[in-house]
Every structure is written in C-alpha cells, then in structure tokens.
N, C-alpha and C. Protein backbone atom coordinates (compact mmCIF):
# COMPACT_ATOMS: atom_id res chain seq x y z
N MET A 1 -12.28 45.03 -43.46
CA MET A 1 -12.17 44.42 -44.82
C MET A 1 -11.74 43.18 -45.02
N ILE A 2 -12.48 42.40 -45.55
CA ILE A 2 -12.08 40.84 -45.66
C ILE A 2 -11.48 40.59 -47.04
N ASP A 3 -10.22 39.95 -47.09
CA ASP A 3 -9.67 39.62 -48.31
C ASP A 3 -10.22 38.31 -48.87
N ALA A 4 -10.47 38.34 -50.22
CA ALA A 4 -11.10 37.10 -50.81
C ALA A 4 -9.89 36.24 -51.10
N ILE A 5 -10.15 34.91 -50.70
CA ILE A 5 -9.25 33.81 -51.09
C ILE A 5 -9.65 33.14 -52.28
N ALA A 6 -8.67 32.98 -53.18
CA ALA A 6 -9.02 32.29 -54.31
C ALA A 6 -8.76 30.89 -54.19
N VAL A 7 -9.85 30.18 -54.53
CA VAL A 7 -9.74 28.76 -54.54
C VAL A 7 -9.73 28.19 -55.84
N SER A 8 -8.84 27.28 -56.16
CA SER A 8 -8.74 26.71 -57.55
C SER A 8 -9.48 25.58 -57.63
N ASN A 9 -9.92 25.25 -58.83
CA ASN A 9 -10.84 24.26 -59.03
C ASN A 9 -10.08 23.13 -59.76
N ASN A 10 -9.59 22.11 -59.04
CA ASN A 10 -8.83 21.12 -59.51
C ASN A 10 -9.45 19.84 -60.13
N ARG A 11 -10.72 19.92 -60.07
CA ARG A 11 -11.68 18.70 -60.40
C ARG A 11 -11.55 18.53 -61.92
N THR A 12 -11.20 19.50 -62.66
CA THR A 12 -11.20 19.52 -64.02
C THR A 12 -9.68 19.06 -64.53
N GLN A 13 -8.85 19.08 -63.75
CA GLN A 13 -7.45 18.81 -64.27
C GLN A 13 -7.26 17.21 -64.19
N ASP A 14 -6.55 16.63 -65.12
CA ASP A 14 -6.25 15.37 -65.19
C ASP A 14 -4.66 15.13 -64.77
N ARG A 15 -4.51 14.59 -63.45
CA ARG A 15 -3.03 14.54 -62.88
C ARG A 15 -2.51 13.39 -63.25
N ARG A 16 -3.29 12.43 -63.79
CA ARG A 16 -2.55 11.06 -63.99
C ARG A 16 -1.46 11.24 -65.06
N GLN A 17 -0.40 10.26 -65.05
CA GLN A 17 0.63 10.17 -65.97
C GLN A 17 0.55 9.01 -66.76
N ASP A 18 1.18 8.99 -68.02
CA ASP A 18 1.35 7.81 -68.61
C ASP A 18 2.26 6.85 -68.27
N MET A 19 2.01 5.50 -68.18
CA MET A 19 3.03 4.55 -67.71
C MET A 19 4.20 4.38 -68.71
N PRO A 20 5.41 4.33 -68.24
CA PRO A 20 6.62 4.12 -69.10
C PRO A 20 6.45 2.87 -69.81
N PHE A 21 7.34 2.46 -70.85
CA PHE A 21 7.23 1.25 -71.60
C PHE A 21 7.49 0.10 -70.70
N PHE A 22 8.52 0.09 -70.06
CA PHE A 22 8.80 -0.79 -69.14
C PHE A 22 8.96 -0.22 -67.65
N CYS A 23 8.06 -0.71 -66.83
CA CYS A 23 8.29 -0.21 -65.29
C CYS A 23 8.22 -1.46 -64.47
N ALA A 24 8.26 -1.16 -63.20
CA ALA A 24 8.32 -2.23 -62.19
C ALA A 24 7.00 -3.24 -62.20
N TYR A 25 5.90 -2.70 -62.60
CA TYR A 25 4.71 -3.27 -62.68
C TYR A 25 4.68 -4.27 -63.90
N HIS A 26 5.12 -3.78 -65.07
CA HIS A 26 5.22 -4.54 -66.22
C HIS A 26 6.10 -5.71 -66.12
N VAL A 27 7.23 -5.48 -65.40
CA VAL A 27 8.34 -6.50 -65.31
C VAL A 27 7.74 -7.61 -64.32
N GLY A 28 7.08 -7.34 -63.37
CA GLY A 28 6.46 -8.29 -62.41
C GLY A 28 7.17 -8.06 -61.01
N ILE A 29 7.95 -6.92 -60.72
CA ILE A 29 8.53 -6.71 -59.43
C ILE A 29 7.50 -6.35 -58.63
N LYS A 30 6.51 -5.39 -59.00
CA LYS A 30 5.53 -5.02 -58.14
C LYS A 30 4.30 -5.53 -58.74
N MET A 31 3.32 -5.88 -57.75
CA MET A 31 1.96 -6.35 -58.23
C MET A 31 0.83 -5.16 -57.95
N GLY A 32 0.47 -4.84 -59.10
CA GLY A 32 -0.67 -3.75 -59.00
C GLY A 32 -1.97 -4.18 -58.83
N ARG A 33 -2.90 -3.30 -59.00
CA ARG A 33 -4.30 -3.74 -58.71
C ARG A 33 -5.13 -3.56 -59.97
N ARG A 34 -4.55 -2.85 -61.07
CA ARG A 34 -5.41 -2.58 -62.21
C ARG A 34 -5.62 -3.99 -63.15
N ILE A 35 -6.92 -4.15 -63.36
CA ILE A 35 -7.12 -5.41 -64.21
C ILE A 35 -7.89 -4.84 -65.68
N GLY A 36 -8.14 -3.61 -65.64
CA GLY A 36 -8.98 -3.13 -66.76
C GLY A 36 -9.04 -1.66 -66.67
N GLU A 37 -9.92 -1.05 -67.49
CA GLU A 37 -10.10 0.48 -67.62
C GLU A 37 -10.72 0.93 -66.41
N ARG A 38 -10.17 1.88 -65.97
CA ARG A 38 -10.67 2.56 -64.56
C ARG A 38 -11.87 3.44 -64.71
N ARG A 39 -11.97 4.18 -65.86
CA ARG A 39 -12.93 5.13 -65.99
C ARG A 39 -13.56 4.99 -67.34
N VAL A 40 -14.82 5.57 -67.40
CA VAL A 40 -15.54 5.42 -68.86
C VAL A 40 -14.78 6.28 -69.77
N SER A 41 -14.08 7.28 -69.33
CA SER A 41 -13.41 8.20 -70.06
C SER A 41 -12.25 7.47 -70.90
N GLU A 42 -11.81 6.46 -70.37
CA GLU A 42 -10.47 5.76 -70.90
C GLU A 42 -11.14 4.65 -72.04
N LYS A 43 -12.36 4.56 -72.29
CA LYS A 43 -12.73 3.67 -73.24
C LYS A 43 -12.16 3.93 -74.71
N GLY A 44 -11.62 3.19 -75.30
CA GLY A 44 -11.06 3.48 -76.69
C GLY A 44 -9.64 3.80 -76.61
N LYS A 45 -8.99 3.98 -75.50
CA LYS A 45 -7.65 4.22 -75.35
C LYS A 45 -6.88 2.82 -75.12
N SER A 46 -5.56 2.78 -75.22
CA SER A 46 -4.71 1.91 -75.07
C SER A 46 -4.47 1.75 -73.42
N VAL A 47 -4.83 0.71 -72.86
CA VAL A 47 -4.76 0.50 -71.49
C VAL A 47 -3.78 -0.56 -71.05
N TYR A 48 -2.90 -0.08 -70.15
CA TYR A 48 -1.98 -1.15 -69.66
C TYR A 48 -2.40 -1.50 -68.19
N VAL A 49 -2.41 -2.82 -67.87
CA VAL A 49 -2.90 -3.39 -66.76
C VAL A 49 -1.84 -3.92 -65.89
N ASP A 50 -2.07 -4.13 -64.59
CA ASP A 50 -1.14 -4.68 -63.78
C ASP A 50 -1.19 -6.28 -63.57
N ARG A 51 -2.49 -6.74 -63.66
CA ARG A 51 -3.03 -8.11 -63.37
C ARG A 51 -3.72 -8.59 -64.68
N TYR A 52 -3.39 -9.80 -65.09
CA TYR A 52 -3.91 -10.33 -66.32
C TYR A 52 -4.73 -11.53 -65.95
N THR A 53 -5.81 -11.69 -66.89
CA THR A 53 -6.81 -12.66 -66.72
C THR A 53 -6.30 -14.02 -67.01
N GLY A 54 -7.08 -15.00 -66.52
CA GLY A 54 -6.44 -16.44 -66.62
C GLY A 54 -6.40 -16.87 -68.12
N ASN A 55 -7.35 -16.46 -68.94
CA ASN A 55 -7.35 -16.82 -70.24
C ASN A 55 -6.06 -16.26 -71.03
N VAL A 56 -5.58 -15.16 -70.51
CA VAL A 56 -4.27 -14.62 -71.30
C VAL A 56 -3.14 -15.60 -70.82
N LEU A 57 -3.11 -16.08 -69.51
CA LEU A 57 -1.94 -17.15 -69.26
C LEU A 57 -2.37 -18.35 -69.88
N PHE A 58 -3.39 -18.76 -70.08
CA PHE A 58 -3.77 -20.11 -70.73
C PHE A 58 -3.27 -19.97 -72.32
N CYS A 59 -3.58 -18.99 -72.87
CA CYS A 59 -3.09 -18.67 -74.41
C CYS A 59 -1.67 -18.60 -74.39
N VAL A 60 -1.10 -17.91 -73.54
CA VAL A 60 0.39 -17.80 -73.67
C VAL A 60 1.16 -19.32 -73.46
N ILE A 61 0.74 -19.98 -72.56
CA ILE A 61 1.28 -21.31 -72.25
C ILE A 61 0.97 -22.37 -73.33
N ALA A 62 -0.24 -22.11 -73.86
CA ALA A 62 -0.51 -22.98 -75.02
C ALA A 62 0.29 -22.73 -76.21
N ILE A 63 0.51 -21.47 -76.57
CA ILE A 63 1.43 -21.11 -77.56
C ILE A 63 2.85 -21.62 -77.33
N LEU A 64 3.29 -21.38 -76.27
CA LEU A 64 4.59 -22.06 -75.94
C LEU A 64 4.68 -23.49 -76.18
N LEU A 65 3.76 -24.22 -75.62
CA LEU A 65 3.73 -25.68 -75.79
C LEU A 65 3.65 -26.03 -77.21
N LEU A 66 2.77 -25.41 -78.01
CA LEU A 66 2.65 -25.66 -79.37
C LEU A 66 4.08 -25.26 -80.20
N SER A 67 4.62 -24.14 -79.72
CA SER A 67 5.86 -23.83 -80.34
C SER A 67 6.90 -25.05 -80.06
N ALA A 68 6.95 -25.62 -78.87
CA ALA A 68 7.95 -26.72 -78.62
C ALA A 68 7.49 -27.83 -79.40
N LEU A 69 6.15 -28.29 -79.53
CA LEU A 69 5.82 -29.31 -80.32
C LEU A 69 6.03 -29.09 -81.76
N ASP A 70 6.07 -27.91 -82.29
CA ASP A 70 6.39 -27.56 -83.62
C ASP A 70 8.07 -27.78 -83.85
N ALA A 71 8.70 -27.55 -82.91
CA ALA A 71 10.23 -27.79 -83.06
C ALA A 71 10.47 -29.36 -83.09
N TYR A 72 9.74 -29.99 -82.19
CA TYR A 72 9.96 -31.55 -82.23
C TYR A 72 9.46 -32.15 -83.54
N LEU A 73 8.14 -31.81 -84.00
CA LEU A 73 7.73 -32.37 -85.32
C LEU A 73 8.49 -31.87 -86.36
N THR A 74 9.23 -30.65 -86.52
CA THR A 74 10.00 -30.18 -87.46
C THR A 74 11.25 -31.04 -87.53
N LEU A 75 11.96 -31.40 -86.39
CA LEU A 75 12.97 -32.22 -86.45
C LEU A 75 12.80 -33.75 -86.85
N ASN A 76 11.62 -34.25 -86.53
CA ASN A 76 11.03 -35.38 -87.06
C ASN A 76 10.84 -35.45 -88.66
N ILE A 77 10.28 -34.29 -89.27
CA ILE A 77 9.94 -34.30 -90.55
C ILE A 77 11.56 -34.23 -91.39
N LEU A 78 12.58 -33.56 -90.74
CA LEU A 78 13.68 -33.43 -91.38
C LEU A 78 14.38 -34.72 -91.32
N ASN A 79 14.14 -35.60 -90.17
CA ASN A 79 14.79 -36.79 -90.19
C ASN A 79 14.26 -37.85 -91.16
N LYS A 80 12.99 -37.61 -91.70
CA LYS A 80 12.30 -38.54 -92.65
C LYS A 80 12.42 -37.89 -93.99
N GLY A 81 13.44 -36.89 -94.19
CA GLY A 81 13.74 -36.47 -95.76
C GLY A 81 13.14 -35.12 -95.93
N GLY A 82 12.50 -34.43 -95.00
CA GLY A 82 11.97 -33.06 -95.22
C GLY A 82 12.90 -31.97 -95.35
N GLU A 83 12.51 -30.69 -95.58
CA GLU A 83 13.49 -29.72 -95.85
C GLU A 83 12.97 -28.36 -95.05
N GLU A 84 13.77 -27.86 -94.29
CA GLU A 84 13.43 -26.45 -93.71
C GLU A 84 13.45 -25.32 -94.68
N ILE A 85 12.27 -24.69 -94.73
CA ILE A 85 12.13 -23.54 -95.70
C ILE A 85 12.73 -22.27 -95.20
N ASN A 86 12.54 -22.14 -93.79
CA ASN A 86 12.97 -20.85 -93.30
C ASN A 86 14.46 -20.84 -93.03
N TRP A 87 15.16 -20.02 -93.81
CA TRP A 87 16.66 -20.16 -94.02
C TRP A 87 17.37 -19.79 -92.65
N PHE A 88 16.73 -19.03 -91.79
CA PHE A 88 17.41 -18.70 -90.44
C PHE A 88 17.33 -19.92 -89.66
N MET A 89 16.28 -20.69 -89.60
CA MET A 89 16.10 -21.89 -88.80
C MET A 89 17.00 -22.98 -89.45
N ALA A 90 17.00 -23.01 -90.60
CA ALA A 90 18.02 -23.98 -91.27
C ALA A 90 19.33 -23.92 -90.90
N VAL A 91 19.68 -22.74 -90.85
CA VAL A 91 21.24 -22.56 -90.32
C VAL A 91 21.22 -22.85 -88.92
N LEU A 92 20.45 -22.60 -88.17
CA LEU A 92 20.63 -23.06 -86.92
C LEU A 92 20.41 -24.57 -86.53
N ILE A 93 19.61 -25.26 -87.56
CA ILE A 93 19.53 -26.71 -87.39
C ILE A 93 20.88 -27.35 -87.93
N GLU A 94 21.54 -26.83 -88.86
CA GLU A 94 22.86 -27.22 -89.39
C GLU A 94 23.87 -27.11 -88.18
N GLU A 95 23.90 -26.08 -87.37
CA GLU A 95 24.84 -26.00 -86.34
C GLU A 95 24.51 -26.91 -85.29
N SER A 96 23.39 -26.80 -84.68
CA SER A 96 22.96 -27.97 -83.66
C SER A 96 21.40 -27.83 -83.55
N THR A 97 20.85 -29.04 -83.11
CA THR A 97 19.38 -28.92 -82.91
C THR A 97 19.07 -28.34 -81.58
N GLU A 98 20.00 -28.40 -80.61
CA GLU A 98 19.82 -27.91 -79.25
C GLU A 98 19.61 -26.18 -79.43
N LYS A 99 20.54 -25.62 -80.35
CA LYS A 99 20.51 -24.22 -80.65
C LYS A 99 19.11 -23.88 -81.22
N PHE A 100 18.84 -24.70 -82.28
CA PHE A 100 17.57 -24.46 -82.93
C PHE A 100 16.35 -24.42 -82.03
N VAL A 101 16.26 -25.48 -81.27
CA VAL A 101 15.20 -25.40 -80.14
C VAL A 101 15.23 -24.16 -79.17
N ALA A 102 16.41 -24.00 -78.72
CA ALA A 102 16.61 -22.83 -77.78
C ALA A 102 16.20 -21.37 -78.36
N VAL A 103 16.69 -21.15 -79.44
CA VAL A 103 16.62 -19.98 -80.18
C VAL A 103 14.91 -19.73 -80.57
N LYS A 104 14.42 -20.99 -81.04
CA LYS A 104 13.00 -20.91 -81.45
C LYS A 104 12.05 -20.62 -80.22
N LEU A 105 12.32 -21.33 -78.97
CA LEU A 105 11.53 -21.04 -77.92
C LEU A 105 11.79 -19.72 -77.38
N ALA A 106 13.03 -19.24 -77.34
CA ALA A 106 13.29 -18.05 -76.85
C ALA A 106 12.72 -16.85 -77.73
N LEU A 107 12.75 -16.84 -78.94
CA LEU A 107 12.04 -15.94 -79.76
C LEU A 107 10.56 -15.96 -79.55
N THR A 108 9.95 -17.03 -79.49
CA THR A 108 8.59 -17.10 -79.10
C THR A 108 8.11 -16.54 -77.78
N ALA A 109 9.09 -16.79 -76.86
CA ALA A 109 8.73 -16.26 -75.37
C ALA A 109 8.83 -14.87 -75.40
N MET A 110 9.90 -14.14 -75.97
CA MET A 110 10.14 -12.77 -76.05
C MET A 110 9.03 -12.11 -76.70
N ALA A 111 8.54 -12.62 -77.86
CA ALA A 111 7.37 -11.97 -78.61
C ALA A 111 6.04 -12.03 -77.78
N LEU A 112 5.88 -13.13 -76.98
CA LEU A 112 4.61 -13.31 -76.14
C LEU A 112 4.80 -12.34 -75.08
N ILE A 113 5.92 -12.19 -74.57
CA ILE A 113 6.03 -11.19 -73.27
C ILE A 113 5.61 -9.70 -73.90
N LEU A 114 5.88 -9.36 -75.08
CA LEU A 114 5.50 -7.98 -75.62
C LEU A 114 4.16 -8.02 -75.93
N LEU A 115 3.70 -9.13 -76.38
CA LEU A 115 2.17 -9.20 -76.78
C LEU A 115 1.31 -9.11 -75.39
N VAL A 116 1.66 -9.64 -74.38
CA VAL A 116 1.02 -9.71 -73.20
C VAL A 116 1.06 -8.30 -72.56
N ILE A 117 2.13 -7.63 -72.43
CA ILE A 117 2.29 -6.38 -71.99
C ILE A 117 1.34 -5.40 -72.73
N HIS A 118 1.28 -5.48 -73.92
CA HIS A 118 0.34 -4.61 -74.75
C HIS A 118 -0.83 -5.32 -75.20
N HIS A 119 -1.52 -6.28 -74.46
CA HIS A 119 -2.72 -6.94 -74.90
C HIS A 119 -3.88 -6.29 -74.98
N ASN A 120 -3.93 -5.06 -74.57
CA ASN A 120 -5.25 -4.13 -74.64
C ASN A 120 -5.14 -3.15 -75.77
N VAL A 121 -3.91 -2.98 -76.41
CA VAL A 121 -3.54 -1.82 -77.31
C VAL A 121 -4.51 -2.39 -78.51
N ARG A 122 -5.07 -1.27 -79.08
CA ARG A 122 -5.85 -1.41 -80.39
C ARG A 122 -4.92 -1.38 -81.67
N LEU A 123 -5.11 -2.30 -82.46
CA LEU A 123 -4.27 -2.25 -83.72
C LEU A 123 -5.12 -1.70 -84.86
N ILE A 124 -6.45 -2.15 -84.89
CA ILE A 124 -7.36 -1.51 -85.84
C ILE A 124 -8.61 -1.17 -84.96
N GLN A 125 -9.59 -0.73 -85.47
CA GLN A 125 -10.86 -0.43 -84.60
C GLN A 125 -11.38 -1.34 -83.60
N PHE A 126 -11.59 -2.51 -83.98
CA PHE A 126 -11.96 -3.53 -83.15
C PHE A 126 -11.11 -4.62 -82.77
N PHE A 127 -9.91 -4.52 -83.28
CA PHE A 127 -8.81 -5.53 -83.26
C PHE A 127 -7.79 -5.16 -82.38
N ARG A 128 -7.65 -5.90 -81.27
CA ARG A 128 -6.67 -5.56 -80.16
C ARG A 128 -5.64 -6.63 -80.39
N VAL A 129 -4.48 -6.44 -79.57
CA VAL A 129 -3.26 -7.31 -79.57
C VAL A 129 -3.76 -8.69 -79.07
N ARG A 130 -4.72 -8.67 -77.89
CA ARG A 130 -5.12 -10.03 -77.45
C ARG A 130 -5.67 -10.79 -78.42
N HIS A 131 -6.35 -10.10 -79.54
CA HIS A 131 -7.07 -11.07 -80.55
C HIS A 131 -5.79 -11.62 -81.47
N LEU A 132 -4.76 -10.83 -81.60
CA LEU A 132 -3.64 -11.31 -82.31
C LEU A 132 -3.00 -12.63 -81.66
N LYS A 133 -3.19 -12.60 -80.43
CA LYS A 133 -2.52 -13.91 -79.67
C LYS A 133 -3.48 -15.08 -79.90
N TYR A 134 -4.74 -14.83 -80.01
CA TYR A 134 -5.75 -15.95 -80.39
C TYR A 134 -5.60 -16.41 -81.73
N ALA A 135 -5.12 -15.43 -82.62
CA ALA A 135 -4.83 -15.87 -83.97
C ALA A 135 -3.52 -16.55 -84.14
N ILE A 136 -2.53 -16.27 -83.37
CA ILE A 136 -1.35 -17.04 -83.35
C ILE A 136 -1.44 -18.33 -82.71
N LEU A 137 -2.56 -18.50 -81.72
CA LEU A 137 -2.76 -19.78 -81.23
C LEU A 137 -3.44 -20.69 -82.22
N ALA A 138 -4.44 -20.16 -82.96
CA ALA A 138 -5.13 -20.85 -84.00
C ALA A 138 -4.04 -21.25 -85.16
N GLY A 139 -3.17 -20.40 -85.52
CA GLY A 139 -2.14 -20.65 -86.53
C GLY A 139 -1.28 -21.58 -86.16
N TYR A 140 -0.71 -21.79 -84.89
CA TYR A 140 0.14 -22.99 -84.32
C TYR A 140 -0.61 -24.07 -84.50
N SER A 141 -1.90 -24.12 -84.19
CA SER A 141 -2.67 -25.41 -84.00
C SER A 141 -2.99 -25.86 -85.51
N THR A 142 -3.07 -24.94 -86.41
CA THR A 142 -3.11 -25.44 -87.75
C THR A 142 -1.68 -25.91 -88.38
N LEU A 143 -0.85 -25.32 -87.98
CA LEU A 143 0.60 -25.72 -88.16
C LEU A 143 1.10 -27.16 -87.83
N ILE A 144 0.36 -27.43 -86.56
CA ILE A 144 0.68 -28.74 -85.85
C ILE A 144 0.13 -29.86 -86.76
N GLY A 145 -1.33 -29.24 -87.03
CA GLY A 145 -1.99 -30.41 -87.94
C GLY A 145 -1.49 -30.62 -89.21
N TYR A 146 -1.00 -29.58 -89.91
CA TYR A 146 -0.24 -29.84 -91.10
C TYR A 146 0.99 -30.48 -91.01
N GLU A 147 1.82 -30.49 -90.02
CA GLU A 147 2.97 -31.27 -89.67
C GLU A 147 2.62 -32.67 -89.45
N CYS A 148 1.57 -32.91 -88.66
CA CYS A 148 1.04 -34.42 -88.41
C CYS A 148 0.69 -34.99 -89.84
N TYR A 149 0.12 -34.17 -90.61
CA TYR A 149 -0.25 -34.79 -92.02
C TYR A 149 1.05 -35.19 -92.87
N LEU A 150 1.96 -34.31 -92.72
CA LEU A 150 3.24 -34.54 -93.47
C LEU A 150 3.86 -35.81 -92.96
N LEU A 151 3.95 -35.96 -91.56
CA LEU A 151 4.48 -37.22 -90.94
C LEU A 151 3.76 -38.51 -91.43
N GLU A 152 2.36 -38.29 -91.60
CA GLU A 152 1.58 -39.39 -92.11
C GLU A 152 1.91 -39.67 -93.50
N LEU A 153 2.26 -38.67 -94.40
CA LEU A 153 2.52 -38.83 -95.63
C LEU A 153 3.91 -39.57 -95.80
N ALA A 154 4.84 -39.12 -94.91
CA ALA A 154 6.15 -39.76 -94.85
C ALA A 154 6.18 -41.16 -94.46
N ALA A 155 5.38 -41.54 -93.65
CA ALA A 155 5.25 -42.86 -93.16
C ALA A 155 4.53 -43.83 -94.13
N ALA A 156 3.82 -43.24 -95.12
CA ALA A 156 3.20 -44.00 -96.10
C ALA A 156 4.07 -44.44 -97.15
N PHE A 157 5.21 -43.82 -97.29
CA PHE A 157 6.26 -44.09 -98.36
C PHE A 157 7.42 -44.93 -97.81
C-alpha cells in the first residue's frame, strides 16, 4: 500500500511583507534594487522604492536652492523696510539671522526627506506625492518672482 503525500500549493500565497516606515533602505544604509512596481498586481498601491530617478534628485536640489534664495531675498526685503508675516520666522529673525536661515533650511530639508521616501504614495486618485513636490517647486519659483518684484518696488522708492 502506497501512502499519499500531501503537497501544498504555495503559488497562491503572498509571502511578501510590508516595509517598515524607516528601514535601512530608506535611510540609505543599504542600496536596494527596486526602482518601481514589481508586479502588475501592485498597480494602484503605494509603492516604496530603493532607488530614485534623477528628476527626483533634481527637484529636491532645486527646492533646497530656492529655499535658500528665499531666505536671502527675505532678509533683503526686511533690510529695505519690509515686514515678515510668518510669526514663527519673525521670532527667529529677531533672535538672529543665522538661526532663521538654519531653521528654514532644516525644516525644508526634513519635509523633503519625507516627501522623497513617500513619493509614490497616492494622495488622491491620480495625484501622488511626487506631483506635490513639483507643485512645491512651482510655488517656490513663483515666490522668488514675487520677492524680486518687491525688491524692484523698494528700489523705485
């Protein structure tokens, strides 16, 4: 008599685990290989990747540079008689300009780190976090244009 051996069918089981919020890959300690969605079944889900494309790096560096230029132009506007509307930044400027610039750039950098980590997360149906980064870049560009306009107005008087 032959005993029947039961063979389990593991093809239908999904053994993958969710990535933790902060892990060695997100922090940059380990370099992974994922640059996008691995399977068609992942379409529509929030996907965390290990490597980022060049345009993400360009966008982040551009936002940081525009943030530094914003701090510089803000200080120039204040020297020409302008007024800081943001009460938190006004308190920092009154304490010291170095503290103002450091806190402004640190807050921008920390926000960008979180946005880069979650750049594939969907906020609304077709709107992902990466689109938010481009909107922030456009907003900073518009702000720099407005500050240049204010400096031209101050120079005219």
